[in-house]
Protein backbone atom coordinates (compact mmCIF):
# COMPACT_ATOMS: atom_id res chain seq x y z
CA MET A 1 -150.26 -99.61 -75.22
CA ASP A 2 -147.95 -98.71 -72.35
CA PHE A 3 -147.15 -95.46 -74.17
CA LEU A 4 -150.83 -94.52 -74.39
CA LYS A 5 -151.32 -95.47 -70.75
CA SER A 6 -148.51 -93.15 -69.64
CA ILE A 7 -150.00 -90.29 -71.69
CA GLY A 8 -153.36 -90.80 -70.06
CA ILE A 9 -151.92 -90.78 -66.55
CA SER A 10 -149.81 -87.66 -67.18
CA LEU A 11 -152.65 -85.67 -68.67
CA ALA A 12 -155.10 -86.74 -65.99
CA GLU A 13 -152.71 -85.52 -63.30
CA GLY A 14 -152.54 -82.12 -64.98
CA VAL A 15 -156.29 -81.59 -65.19
CA LYS A 16 -157.61 -82.82 -61.86
CA LYS A 17 -159.26 -79.45 -61.30
CA ASN A 18 -160.92 -79.45 -64.75
CA PRO A 19 -163.41 -82.37 -64.88
CA TRP A 20 -164.66 -81.58 -68.40
CA LEU A 21 -161.13 -81.57 -69.74
CA SER A 22 -160.38 -84.82 -67.92
CA ALA A 23 -163.37 -86.38 -69.63
CA LEU A 24 -162.22 -85.14 -73.05
CA ILE A 25 -158.75 -86.58 -72.63
CA LEU A 26 -160.15 -89.84 -71.29
CA VAL A 27 -162.24 -90.21 -74.44
CA ILE A 28 -159.17 -89.57 -76.60
CA VAL A 29 -157.09 -92.14 -74.75
CA ILE A 30 -159.86 -94.76 -74.85
CA THR A 31 -160.29 -94.15 -78.59
CA ALA A 32 -156.55 -94.57 -79.09
CA VAL A 33 -156.59 -97.89 -77.24
CA VAL A 34 -159.49 -99.15 -79.34
CA VAL A 35 -158.00 -98.21 -82.72
CA THR A 36 -154.67 -99.68 -81.68
CA SER A 37 -156.27 -103.01 -80.84
CA LEU A 38 -158.12 -102.97 -84.19
CA LYS A 39 -154.95 -102.13 -86.13
CA ALA A 40 -156.51 -99.06 -87.72
CA PRO A 41 -154.99 -97.19 -90.71
CA ALA A 42 -152.14 -94.73 -90.16
CA TYR A 43 -154.36 -91.65 -90.66
CA ILE A 44 -156.38 -92.65 -87.61
CA TYR A 45 -153.24 -92.52 -85.47
CA LEU A 46 -152.45 -89.09 -86.90
CA ALA A 47 -155.93 -87.88 -86.00
CA ILE A 48 -155.47 -89.12 -82.44
CA ALA A 49 -152.10 -87.38 -82.16
CA ILE A 50 -153.66 -84.10 -83.34
CA ALA A 51 -156.49 -84.50 -80.84
CA VAL A 52 -154.02 -85.01 -78.00
CA VAL A 53 -152.08 -81.89 -79.00
CA ILE A 54 -155.31 -79.86 -79.12
CA ALA A 55 -156.26 -81.15 -75.66
CA ILE A 56 -152.89 -80.11 -74.27
CA VAL A 57 -153.23 -76.63 -75.78
CA VAL A 58 -156.71 -76.28 -74.31
CA MET A 59 -155.40 -77.41 -70.93
CA TYR A 60 -152.66 -74.77 -71.09
CA CYS A 61 -155.13 -72.01 -72.02
CA VAL A 62 -157.45 -73.00 -69.19
CA GLY A 63 -154.53 -72.84 -66.76
CA ILE A 64 -153.52 -69.37 -67.98
CA ARG A 65 -157.11 -68.12 -67.68
CA SER A 66 -157.35 -69.49 -64.15
CA GLN A 67 -154.12 -67.71 -63.18
CA LYS A 68 -155.39 -64.41 -64.62
CA GLU A 69 -158.65 -64.72 -62.68
CA GLN A 70 -156.72 -65.39 -59.48
CA ILE A 71 -154.44 -62.41 -60.05
CA ALA A 72 -157.46 -60.19 -60.72
CA SER A 73 -158.82 -61.11 -57.30
CA TYR A 74 -155.58 -59.87 -55.65
CA ARG A 75 -156.30 -56.31 -56.76
CA GLY A 76 -159.32 -56.10 -54.51
CA ALA A 77 -157.45 -57.23 -51.39
CA THR A 78 -157.18 -54.65 -48.60
CA MET A 79 -156.04 -54.40 -44.99
CA SER A 80 -155.44 -51.89 -42.24
CA VAL A 81 -151.85 -51.55 -40.99
CA ASP A 82 -149.90 -49.52 -38.44
CA ARG A 83 -146.85 -47.40 -39.15
CA ASP A 84 -144.58 -50.25 -38.05
CA THR A 85 -145.20 -52.61 -40.97
CA ILE A 86 -142.42 -54.98 -39.92
CA ASN A 87 -144.64 -56.08 -37.06
CA LEU A 88 -147.04 -57.66 -39.56
CA VAL A 89 -144.66 -60.61 -39.84
CA ASN A 90 -145.41 -61.58 -36.24
CA LYS A 91 -149.09 -61.97 -37.12
CA LEU A 92 -148.47 -64.52 -39.86
CA GLY A 93 -148.85 -68.24 -39.40
CA ASN A 94 -146.35 -70.80 -40.67
CA HIS A 95 -148.45 -71.56 -43.74
CA ASP A 96 -148.55 -67.90 -44.76
CA ARG A 97 -144.81 -67.55 -44.24
CA GLN A 98 -144.17 -70.56 -46.47
CA THR A 99 -146.46 -69.12 -49.12
CA LEU A 100 -144.55 -65.85 -49.04
CA LEU A 101 -141.26 -67.72 -49.40
CA THR A 102 -142.69 -69.52 -52.41
CA ALA A 103 -143.67 -66.13 -53.87
CA LEU A 104 -140.13 -64.79 -53.35
CA LYS A 105 -138.67 -67.81 -55.10
CA GLY A 106 -141.13 -67.42 -57.97
CA ALA A 107 -140.36 -63.72 -58.34
CA ALA A 108 -136.61 -64.35 -58.47
CA GLU A 109 -136.96 -67.18 -60.98
CA ASP A 110 -139.23 -65.09 -63.19
CA VAL A 111 -136.69 -62.27 -63.32
CA ALA A 112 -133.82 -64.69 -63.98
CA GLU A 113 -135.75 -66.18 -66.90
CA VAL A 114 -136.58 -62.81 -68.46
CA LEU A 115 -132.99 -61.62 -68.10
CA GLY A 116 -131.55 -64.92 -69.27
CA ILE A 117 -129.11 -65.29 -66.39
CA ASN A 118 -128.17 -68.00 -63.91
CA PRO A 119 -131.04 -68.34 -61.37
CA GLU A 120 -128.45 -68.81 -58.62
CA HIS A 121 -127.37 -65.19 -59.17
CA VAL A 122 -130.83 -63.74 -58.51
CA ARG A 123 -132.12 -63.14 -54.97
CA ALA A 124 -135.26 -61.76 -53.38
CA ASN A 125 -136.31 -60.21 -50.07
CA LEU A 126 -139.00 -58.17 -48.37
CA PHE A 127 -138.49 -54.93 -46.43
CA GLY A 128 -140.84 -53.14 -44.05
CA SER A 129 -140.65 -49.88 -42.10
CA ASP A 130 -140.11 -49.77 -38.34
CA SER A 131 -141.39 -47.27 -35.76
CA SER A 132 -138.30 -45.09 -36.38
CA ASN A 133 -139.15 -44.76 -40.08
CA ARG A 134 -136.29 -46.99 -41.21
CA MET A 135 -136.55 -49.79 -43.72
CA ARG A 136 -135.45 -53.21 -42.49
CA MET A 137 -135.38 -56.66 -44.05
CA LEU A 138 -138.12 -58.97 -42.82
CA ALA A 139 -136.51 -61.81 -40.87
CA GLY A 140 -137.01 -65.21 -42.45
CA LEU A 141 -138.60 -63.83 -45.61
CA THR A 142 -135.68 -63.87 -48.03
CA TYR A 143 -134.58 -66.05 -50.93
CA GLN A 144 -130.91 -66.89 -51.59
CA MET A 145 -129.70 -64.14 -49.22
CA ASN A 146 -126.81 -66.09 -47.72
CA ARG A 147 -124.67 -63.35 -46.13
CA ASP A 148 -125.63 -62.70 -42.50
CA GLU A 149 -124.41 -59.09 -42.58
CA GLU A 150 -126.81 -58.27 -45.42
CA LEU A 151 -129.79 -59.37 -43.36
CA THR A 152 -129.19 -56.44 -40.99
CA ILE A 153 -129.11 -53.73 -43.67
CA SER A 154 -131.37 -50.75 -42.98
CA MET A 155 -131.91 -47.28 -44.42
CA PRO A 156 -134.20 -44.31 -43.74
CA VAL A 157 -137.41 -44.18 -45.74
CA GLY A 158 -136.59 -42.27 -48.94
CA TYR A 159 -133.03 -43.59 -49.26
CA GLY A 160 -131.67 -46.43 -51.34
CA SER A 161 -133.74 -48.28 -53.92
CA THR A 162 -135.91 -49.78 -51.18
CA GLY A 163 -136.51 -46.54 -49.30
CA ARG A 164 -137.24 -44.57 -52.46
CA CYS A 165 -139.71 -47.21 -53.62
CA PHE A 166 -141.48 -47.20 -50.24
CA GLN A 167 -141.68 -43.42 -50.00
CA ARG A 168 -143.07 -42.89 -53.49
CA GLY A 169 -145.15 -46.05 -53.72
CA LYS A 170 -143.64 -46.68 -57.15
CA PRO A 171 -141.11 -49.19 -58.55
CA ASN A 172 -137.45 -48.27 -58.47
CA ILE A 173 -134.47 -49.65 -60.37
CA ALA A 174 -130.92 -49.25 -59.12
CA ILE A 175 -127.80 -50.19 -61.09
CA PHE A 176 -124.24 -50.25 -59.76
CA ARG A 177 -121.92 -48.19 -61.96
CA GLY A 178 -118.94 -47.62 -59.72
CA GLY A 179 -121.47 -46.44 -57.13
CA TRP A 180 -125.21 -46.38 -56.54
CA GLY A 181 -125.79 -42.71 -57.39
CA GLU A 182 -129.18 -41.45 -56.20
CA ASN A 183 -129.87 -44.90 -54.73
CA ALA A 184 -126.92 -44.76 -52.31
CA ILE A 185 -127.33 -45.50 -48.60
CA GLU A 186 -125.18 -44.74 -45.54
CA ASP A 187 -121.60 -45.95 -45.78
CA GLU A 188 -121.97 -48.10 -42.68
CA GLU A 189 -124.90 -49.94 -44.26
CA LEU A 190 -123.35 -49.99 -47.72
CA ARG A 191 -120.42 -52.01 -46.37
CA LYS A 192 -122.85 -54.85 -45.58
CA VAL A 193 -123.97 -55.15 -49.22
CA HIS A 194 -122.79 -58.15 -51.25
CA PRO A 195 -119.59 -57.07 -53.05
CA ASP A 196 -120.87 -58.48 -56.36
CA LEU A 197 -124.32 -56.87 -56.24
CA GLN A 198 -125.02 -55.37 -59.68
CA TRP A 199 -128.66 -54.24 -59.74
CA ILE A 200 -131.86 -54.04 -57.69
CA ILE A 201 -135.50 -53.97 -58.76
CA SER A 202 -137.81 -52.68 -56.01
CA VAL A 203 -141.61 -52.96 -56.19
CA PRO A 204 -144.02 -51.68 -53.52
CA VAL A 205 -146.37 -54.08 -51.78
CA LEU A 206 -149.50 -51.97 -51.39
CA SER A 207 -152.26 -52.20 -48.79
CA GLY A 208 -154.93 -52.54 -51.47
CA GLY A 209 -158.35 -50.93 -51.62
CA GLU A 210 -158.73 -47.19 -52.14
CA GLU A 211 -155.87 -46.22 -49.79
CA ARG A 212 -153.21 -48.31 -51.57
CA ARG A 213 -150.31 -47.13 -49.45
CA PRO A 214 -146.99 -49.04 -49.33
CA ILE A 215 -146.63 -51.51 -46.49
CA TRP A 216 -143.64 -53.53 -47.69
CA VAL A 217 -141.15 -53.51 -50.56
CA LEU A 218 -140.40 -56.55 -52.69
CA ASN A 219 -136.78 -56.52 -53.88
CA VAL A 220 -135.27 -58.77 -56.51
CA ASP A 221 -131.55 -58.22 -57.10
CA GLY A 222 -128.72 -59.76 -59.06
CA ILE A 223 -125.11 -60.56 -58.30
CA MET A 224 -122.23 -61.21 -60.70
CA GLU A 225 -124.11 -60.54 -63.95
CA LYS A 226 -124.68 -56.96 -65.11
CA ARG A 227 -127.84 -55.81 -66.88
CA GLU A 228 -128.93 -52.47 -68.31
CA LYS A 229 -132.03 -50.48 -67.37
CA ASP A 230 -134.06 -51.54 -70.40
CA ASP A 231 -133.52 -55.19 -69.51
CA LEU A 232 -134.51 -54.59 -65.91
CA GLN A 233 -137.61 -52.66 -66.99
CA ALA A 234 -138.72 -55.70 -68.97
CA ALA A 235 -138.21 -57.95 -65.94
CA LEU A 236 -140.04 -55.48 -63.69
CA LYS A 237 -143.36 -56.14 -65.42
CA ASN A 238 -143.55 -59.66 -63.98
CA LEU A 239 -143.01 -58.44 -60.43
CA PHE A 240 -146.30 -56.55 -60.19
CA ASN A 241 -148.20 -59.83 -60.10
CA TRP A 242 -145.97 -61.17 -57.32
CA SER A 243 -146.39 -57.94 -55.34
CA GLN A 244 -150.17 -58.19 -55.66
CA MET A 245 -150.04 -61.81 -54.59
CA ILE A 246 -148.18 -60.82 -51.42
CA THR A 247 -150.85 -58.18 -50.72
CA PHE A 248 -153.52 -60.84 -51.12
CA ILE A 249 -151.75 -63.27 -48.77
CA LEU A 250 -151.45 -60.58 -46.10
CA ALA A 251 -155.03 -59.38 -46.49
CA LYS A 252 -156.41 -62.92 -46.21
CA SER A 253 -154.28 -63.71 -43.17
CA LEU A 254 -154.96 -60.47 -41.28
CA GLY A 255 -158.62 -60.52 -42.25
CA LYS A 256 -159.08 -63.92 -40.61
CA GLN A 257 -157.56 -62.60 -37.38
CA GLU A 258 -159.79 -59.50 -37.33
CA ALA A 259 -162.96 -61.49 -38.01
């Protein structure tokens, strides 16, 4: 009986936003309690177990569908921005900043899972462009970036993985192979980079709407553990959703201020 009670509580917590599913699971749990008290045959218990599994699967599918619908709404988000996109940070409230930090954490964890590496070795950050057309990391909007010197890294638009991504409005992958090749930045800035940095995946954060110009760049990078381009391409697919989510957060926040 206590076992059935714990199942009921756990499932109810997971479906608070789906009343019809809550009702279905409640019926299953009540039925289980009744047949238990009546000492029903074994096949009845099996039927209840199957019903619970089906309910869990339905709950999972409903959650996935809800996520897809939410992501679809991000694609319609739009905003107007100035050349200095770093300044957008100053217009965000604490709640929006926390939401962006949650997105950075989610993006890093997604990539770590796809690549099968230690999550502690995967970091994330956001870059914007300043009035001098240089890319700079957005203060306070980083995940697991623990070296102060790295927080001051900058590069001209068009240089480095970040600058190339911003200029073209397309994803960019950089891999360290004794050097950064076409993704290199100025030596002075390169000296600030983590000595164990192995790869960078850069994805543009677009303004949305018809214009769809880059406003920020979402970077997820890895230290210690090497990965090849094919692996990073596979991980890149997950980052588009996070980039679109960031666009949505910005559009909602700035839209409220303009209203």
